[in-house]
Protein backbone atom coordinates (compact mmCIF):
# COMPACT_ATOMS: atom_id res chain seq x y z
CA UNK A 1 -27.66 47.89 -94.98
CA UNK A 2 -26.00 50.84 -93.27
CA UNK A 3 -28.42 53.21 -95.01
CA UNK A 4 -31.50 51.20 -94.06
CA UNK A 5 -32.86 50.80 -97.60
CA UNK A 6 -33.21 48.05 -100.21
CA UNK A 7 -32.03 48.10 -103.81
CA UNK A 8 -35.01 47.55 -106.13
CA UNK A 9 -34.86 44.54 -108.45
CA UNK A 10 -37.44 44.98 -111.20
CA UNK A 11 -38.25 42.26 -113.73
CA UNK A 12 -38.68 43.06 -117.41
CA UNK A 13 -39.29 41.13 -120.62
CA UNK A 14 -39.71 43.80 -123.31
CA UNK A 15 -38.50 47.22 -124.42
CA UNK A 16 -41.24 49.26 -122.77
CA UNK A 17 -40.74 47.59 -119.39
CA UNK A 18 -36.99 48.22 -119.57
CA UNK A 19 -37.57 51.87 -120.49
CA UNK A 20 -40.16 52.40 -117.75
CA UNK A 21 -37.94 50.88 -115.06
CA UNK A 22 -34.90 52.91 -116.07
CA UNK A 23 -36.89 56.15 -116.43
CA UNK A 24 -38.35 55.72 -112.94
CA UNK A 25 -34.98 54.93 -111.39
CA UNK A 26 -33.19 57.75 -113.22
CA UNK A 27 -35.83 60.22 -112.07
CA UNK A 28 -35.41 59.16 -108.44
CA UNK A 29 -31.63 58.69 -108.64
CA UNK A 30 -31.99 55.11 -107.46
CA UNK A 31 -29.65 52.20 -108.13
CA UNK A 32 -31.44 49.37 -109.88
CA UNK A 33 -31.08 45.66 -110.53
CA UNK A 34 -32.64 44.74 -113.88
CA UNK A 35 -33.90 41.17 -113.69
CA UNK A 36 -34.83 38.61 -116.30
CA UNK A 37 -36.04 35.10 -115.66
CA UNK A 38 -35.08 32.23 -117.92
CA UNK A 39 -38.41 32.52 -119.74
CA UNK A 40 -38.03 36.30 -120.15
CA UNK A 41 -34.59 35.73 -121.64
CA UNK A 42 -36.08 33.26 -124.11
CA UNK A 43 -38.88 35.72 -124.95
CA UNK A 44 -36.46 38.58 -125.65
CA UNK A 45 -33.96 36.07 -127.12
CA UNK A 46 -30.52 35.51 -125.66
CA UNK A 47 -28.89 37.17 -128.67
CA UNK A 48 -30.85 40.44 -128.35
CA UNK A 49 -30.95 40.82 -124.56
CA UNK A 50 -27.38 42.12 -123.93
CA UNK A 51 -27.76 44.74 -126.66
CA UNK A 52 -31.15 45.82 -125.34
CA UNK A 53 -29.67 46.38 -121.88
CA UNK A 54 -26.65 48.23 -123.25
CA UNK A 55 -29.11 50.50 -125.02
CA UNK A 56 -30.87 51.02 -121.70
CA UNK A 57 -27.60 52.04 -120.08
CA UNK A 58 -27.04 54.57 -122.88
CA UNK A 59 -30.58 55.87 -122.31
CA UNK A 60 -29.78 56.56 -118.67
CA UNK A 61 -26.53 58.29 -119.62
CA UNK A 62 -28.45 60.52 -122.02
CA UNK A 63 -30.70 61.56 -119.12
CA UNK A 64 -27.61 62.75 -117.22
CA UNK A 65 -28.41 60.38 -114.38
CA UNK A 66 -25.47 57.96 -113.94
CA UNK A 67 -27.14 55.49 -111.58
CA UNK A 68 -25.63 52.06 -110.82
CA UNK A 69 -27.27 49.35 -112.96
CA UNK A 70 -26.88 45.57 -112.68
CA UNK A 71 -28.23 42.88 -115.01
CA UNK A 72 -29.35 39.86 -113.01
CA UNK A 73 -30.65 36.38 -113.82
CA UNK A 74 -33.72 35.73 -111.68
CA UNK A 75 -34.42 32.16 -110.56
CA UNK A 76 -31.80 30.43 -112.65
CA UNK A 77 -32.36 26.71 -112.12
CA UNK A 78 -29.34 25.10 -113.78
CA UNK A 79 -25.60 25.64 -113.88
CA UNK A 80 -25.76 25.78 -117.68
CA UNK A 81 -28.25 28.67 -117.69
CA UNK A 82 -26.22 30.63 -115.13
CA UNK A 83 -23.02 29.98 -117.10
CA UNK A 84 -24.57 31.16 -120.37
CA UNK A 85 -25.84 34.37 -118.74
CA UNK A 86 -22.44 35.07 -117.20
CA UNK A 87 -20.73 34.52 -120.54
CA UNK A 88 -23.16 36.91 -122.28
CA UNK A 89 -22.42 39.81 -119.92
CA UNK A 90 -24.68 39.50 -116.89
CA UNK A 91 -23.16 41.10 -113.80
CA UNK A 92 -25.15 38.96 -111.36
CA UNK A 93 -26.96 35.62 -111.39
CA UNK A 94 -29.29 33.75 -109.09
CA UNK A 95 -29.08 30.00 -108.79
CA UNK A 96 -32.22 28.67 -107.17
CA UNK A 97 -31.60 25.21 -105.78
CA UNK A 98 -34.27 25.55 -103.08
CA UNK A 99 -36.33 22.74 -104.61
CA UNK A 100 -33.38 20.35 -104.15
CA UNK A 101 -32.35 18.64 -100.91
CA UNK A 102 -30.11 20.84 -98.76
CA UNK A 103 -26.80 19.17 -99.71
CA UNK A 104 -27.63 19.25 -103.45
CA UNK A 105 -28.57 22.93 -103.14
CA UNK A 106 -25.16 23.58 -101.59
CA UNK A 107 -23.35 21.62 -104.32
CA UNK A 108 -25.17 23.37 -107.20
CA UNK A 109 -24.83 26.82 -105.67
CA UNK A 110 -21.12 26.34 -104.97
CA UNK A 111 -20.58 25.23 -108.57
CA UNK A 112 -22.15 28.45 -109.87
CA UNK A 113 -20.28 30.59 -107.33
CA UNK A 114 -16.91 29.17 -108.37
CA UNK A 115 -17.60 29.86 -112.04
CA UNK A 116 -19.08 33.31 -111.42
CA UNK A 117 -16.53 34.64 -108.96
CA UNK A 118 -13.68 33.71 -111.31
CA UNK A 119 -15.30 36.11 -113.79
CA UNK A 120 -16.20 38.95 -111.43
CA UNK A 121 -19.92 38.09 -111.25
CA UNK A 122 -21.93 37.97 -108.03
CA UNK A 123 -24.30 35.15 -107.05
CA UNK A 124 -27.59 35.01 -105.17
CA UNK A 125 -28.72 31.72 -103.65
CA UNK A 126 -32.00 30.65 -102.07
CA UNK A 127 -33.04 28.72 -98.96
CA UNK A 128 -36.71 28.04 -98.34
CA UNK A 129 -39.57 27.79 -100.84
CA UNK A 130 -42.08 30.52 -101.71
CA UNK A 131 -45.63 29.61 -102.63
CA UNK A 132 -47.31 31.04 -105.71
CA UNK A 133 -46.82 31.06 -109.47
CA UNK A 134 -44.59 33.36 -111.53
CA UNK A 135 -42.89 32.39 -114.80
CA UNK A 136 -41.30 28.96 -114.23
CA UNK A 137 -41.51 29.23 -110.43
CA UNK A 138 -44.44 27.22 -109.07
CA UNK A 139 -45.19 25.95 -105.57
CA UNK A 140 -48.47 25.29 -103.78
CA UNK A 141 -46.92 25.39 -100.30
CA UNK A 142 -44.27 27.66 -98.80
CA UNK A 143 -41.49 26.37 -96.58
CA UNK A 144 -39.93 28.93 -94.28
CA UNK A 145 -36.16 29.28 -94.30
CA UNK A 146 -34.50 27.57 -91.35
CA UNK A 147 -32.10 30.01 -89.71
CA UNK A 148 -29.92 27.16 -88.44
CA UNK A 149 -29.18 26.17 -92.07
CA UNK A 150 -28.23 29.65 -93.24
CA UNK A 151 -24.78 29.79 -91.62
CA UNK A 152 -23.76 26.46 -93.13
CA UNK A 153 -25.18 27.33 -96.53
CA UNK A 154 -23.47 30.73 -96.74
CA UNK A 155 -20.20 29.33 -95.42
CA UNK A 156 -20.06 26.34 -97.76
CA UNK A 157 -21.27 28.06 -100.93
CA UNK A 158 -19.65 31.51 -100.76
CA UNK A 159 -22.79 33.21 -102.12
CA UNK A 160 -22.94 37.01 -102.10
CA UNK A 161 -26.61 37.26 -101.09
CA UNK A 162 -29.40 34.92 -100.03
CA UNK A 163 -33.11 34.85 -100.87
CA UNK A 164 -35.16 33.61 -97.92
CA UNK A 165 -38.76 32.60 -97.30
CA UNK A 166 -40.50 34.49 -94.51
CA UNK A 167 -44.04 34.65 -95.88
CA UNK A 168 -43.82 36.44 -99.22
CA UNK A 169 -45.26 34.70 -102.27
CA UNK A 170 -44.95 34.82 -106.05
CA UNK A 171 -47.66 36.22 -108.30
CA UNK A 172 -50.60 38.59 -107.81
CA UNK A 173 -52.73 36.21 -105.73
CA UNK A 174 -50.38 35.77 -102.79
CA UNK A 175 -52.86 34.90 -100.04
CA UNK A 176 -56.40 33.59 -99.64
CA UNK A 177 -58.10 36.17 -97.42
CA UNK A 178 -61.76 36.94 -96.79
CA UNK A 179 -63.18 40.45 -97.35
CA UNK A 180 -61.99 42.74 -94.59
CA UNK A 181 -59.18 40.41 -93.51
CA UNK A 182 -55.53 41.42 -93.56
CA UNK A 183 -52.90 39.17 -95.18
CA UNK A 184 -50.74 37.26 -92.68
CA UNK A 185 -47.69 39.21 -91.46
CA UNK A 186 -44.18 38.34 -92.53
CA UNK A 187 -42.05 36.24 -90.18
CA UNK A 188 -39.72 38.94 -88.94
CA UNK A 189 -38.62 36.63 -86.16
CA UNK A 190 -36.98 34.40 -88.79
CA UNK A 191 -35.39 37.41 -90.52
CA UNK A 192 -34.00 38.72 -87.24
CA UNK A 193 -32.58 35.32 -86.28
CA UNK A 194 -30.90 34.99 -89.68
CA UNK A 195 -29.43 38.49 -89.29
CA UNK A 196 -28.11 37.46 -85.87
CA UNK A 197 -26.47 34.34 -87.25
CA UNK A 198 -24.89 36.02 -90.33
CA UNK A 199 -24.54 39.67 -89.33
CA UNK A 200 -24.03 42.10 -92.20
CA UNK A 201 -24.94 39.54 -94.86
CA UNK A 202 -27.31 40.79 -97.63
CA UNK A 203 -30.75 39.17 -97.55
CA UNK A 204 -33.18 39.17 -100.51
CA UNK A 205 -36.99 39.10 -100.58
CA UNK A 206 -38.72 37.51 -103.56
CA UNK A 207 -42.45 37.74 -104.24
CA UNK A 208 -42.56 41.20 -102.66
CA UNK A 209 -45.05 43.04 -104.86
CA UNK A 210 -47.74 44.80 -102.83
CA UNK A 211 -50.30 44.21 -105.64
CA UNK A 212 -51.27 47.87 -105.57
CA UNK A 213 -55.08 48.18 -105.31
CA UNK A 214 -55.37 51.13 -107.70
CA UNK A 215 -54.05 48.97 -110.56
CA UNK A 216 -56.22 46.00 -109.65
CA UNK A 217 -59.26 48.31 -109.55
CA UNK A 218 -58.47 49.73 -112.99
CA UNK A 219 -58.01 46.28 -114.47
CA UNK A 220 -61.34 45.12 -113.06
CA UNK A 221 -63.10 48.32 -114.14
CA UNK A 222 -61.98 47.88 -117.74
CA UNK A 223 -62.85 44.23 -118.24
CA UNK A 224 -60.31 42.31 -116.16
CA UNK A 225 -61.08 39.69 -113.53
CA UNK A 226 -58.75 40.00 -110.52
CA UNK A 227 -61.08 40.33 -107.54
CA UNK A 228 -58.98 38.22 -105.16
CA UNK A 229 -55.55 39.72 -105.92
CA UNK A 230 -53.66 40.65 -102.74
CA UNK A 231 -50.00 41.31 -101.92
CA UNK A 232 -47.48 42.27 -99.23
CA UNK A 233 -48.23 45.42 -97.25
CA UNK A 234 -45.94 48.37 -97.87
CA UNK A 235 -45.37 48.83 -94.14
CA UNK A 236 -43.88 45.35 -93.90
CA UNK A 237 -41.65 45.95 -96.91
CA UNK A 238 -40.40 49.21 -95.38
CA UNK A 239 -39.58 47.37 -92.16
CA UNK A 240 -37.71 44.65 -94.06
CA UNK A 241 -35.74 47.23 -96.07
CA UNK A 242 -34.69 48.99 -92.87
CA UNK A 243 -33.16 45.75 -91.60
CA UNK A 244 -31.10 42.99 -93.20
CA UNK A 245 -33.04 42.92 -96.50
CA UNK A 246 -30.86 44.66 -99.11
CA UNK A 247 -32.67 43.61 -102.32
CA UNK A 248 -36.42 43.47 -102.90
CA UNK A 249 -37.84 41.85 -106.04
CA UNK A 250 -40.85 43.43 -107.76
CA UNK A 251 -42.44 41.86 -110.82
CA UNK A 252 -46.24 41.58 -110.45
CA UNK A 253 -46.72 45.27 -109.60
CA UNK A 254 -45.03 46.25 -112.85
CA UNK A 255 -47.22 43.88 -114.85
CA UNK A 256 -50.34 45.22 -113.14
CA UNK A 257 -49.42 48.87 -113.75
CA UNK A 258 -48.86 48.31 -117.46
CA UNK A 259 -51.91 46.10 -117.94
CA UNK A 260 -54.14 48.62 -116.16
CA UNK A 261 -52.92 51.43 -118.42
CA UNK A 262 -53.36 49.34 -121.57
CA UNK A 263 -56.86 48.21 -120.63
CA UNK A 264 -57.94 51.76 -119.83
CA UNK A 265 -56.51 53.19 -123.05
CA UNK A 266 -58.08 50.55 -125.30
CA UNK A 267 -61.45 50.88 -123.56
CA UNK A 268 -61.39 54.65 -124.02
CA UNK A 269 -60.01 54.48 -127.59
CA UNK A 270 -61.64 51.39 -129.12
CA UNK A 271 -60.67 52.38 -132.66
CA UNK A 272 -56.93 52.69 -131.90
CA UNK A 273 -54.61 49.96 -133.19
CA UNK A 274 -51.15 51.54 -133.10
CA UNK A 275 -49.20 49.67 -130.37
CA UNK A 276 -47.21 52.81 -129.60
CA UNK A 277 -50.40 54.57 -128.54
CA UNK A 278 -51.17 52.09 -125.74
CA UNK A 279 -47.65 50.92 -124.89
CA UNK A 280 -46.56 54.54 -124.36
CA UNK A 281 -49.04 55.14 -121.50
CA UNK A 282 -48.19 51.69 -120.12
CA UNK A 283 -44.51 52.64 -120.04
CA UNK A 284 -45.36 55.90 -118.25
CA UNK A 285 -47.50 54.06 -115.71
CA UNK A 286 -44.63 51.68 -114.96
CA UNK A 287 -42.17 54.57 -114.57
CA UNK A 288 -44.55 56.24 -112.11
CA UNK A 289 -44.93 53.01 -110.13
CA UNK A 290 -41.15 52.56 -109.99
CA UNK A 291 -40.67 56.14 -108.79
CA UNK A 292 -43.25 55.61 -106.06
CA UNK A 293 -41.71 52.34 -104.88
CA UNK A 294 -38.22 53.82 -104.75
CA UNK A 295 -39.34 56.88 -102.79
CA UNK A 296 -42.04 55.53 -100.50
CA UNK A 297 -41.34 51.83 -99.99
CA UNK A 298 -37.74 50.79 -100.59
CA UNK A 299 -36.00 54.01 -99.58
CA UNK A 300 -33.61 53.76 -102.54
CA UNK A 301 -34.35 57.22 -104.02
CA UNK A 302 -31.29 59.44 -103.94
CA UNK A 303 -28.95 56.52 -103.27
CA UNK A 304 -27.60 56.30 -106.81
């Protein structure tokens, strides 16, 4: 917060994504929060995941770039899931009780906090509901965070950070806009009021991919259908990172970068069937996207 930047939190669910994220962050000397959702953990398998991440840490050490790395559960929805991740070596977990009534959200979050803090693990909570679809997270309507609830929630739960809803949205189709229209701006008035009520407290933005047009264009050019994909403007993300927002989640942009590279490679090399040949360029595209985000959007480059 003092430096006016946000720590990037990139989601991954396979080896190439993990490599691309770490390569981009090592190159830019940026701290990084590696995130997995419950479904990503199931895809990788709970048994393999800790070893995969330890290998990633060794990769970064071999690059002579000792950046800070955290392993974080994204959108954990039960105490049992958060507990299992903590016990398997996660350094941070999110418990998302935002779909529950306020008092139940407090109870569930406090339960996770008590278990996590006793084991040296930090906890992210959530107030407010983001629209959109991503992994298990689904909502047709967003509900902005109420600043008057934040003080009570933080005080009663003891969370270390808080995800809020100020107009971001999950997925690659964040808003319905007509050609030539700009997406609606984020509610910085809510963010500023929350920062006034809990000064110095770390705020998190979910659903903050900018859905970079160059990747959408490549996907569409090589057979994809994503004409209405639109995300959060980079200017708004820079403004958020300069304020109380200390962690910004990016998932869709990474998926788009890799998919664009894979589609282009397969279209240009229709006889190729070695997965390494198309996953390698996809990994490089993700690393380049991560480097760009760290330098130009989040301001985290050189902070490691």
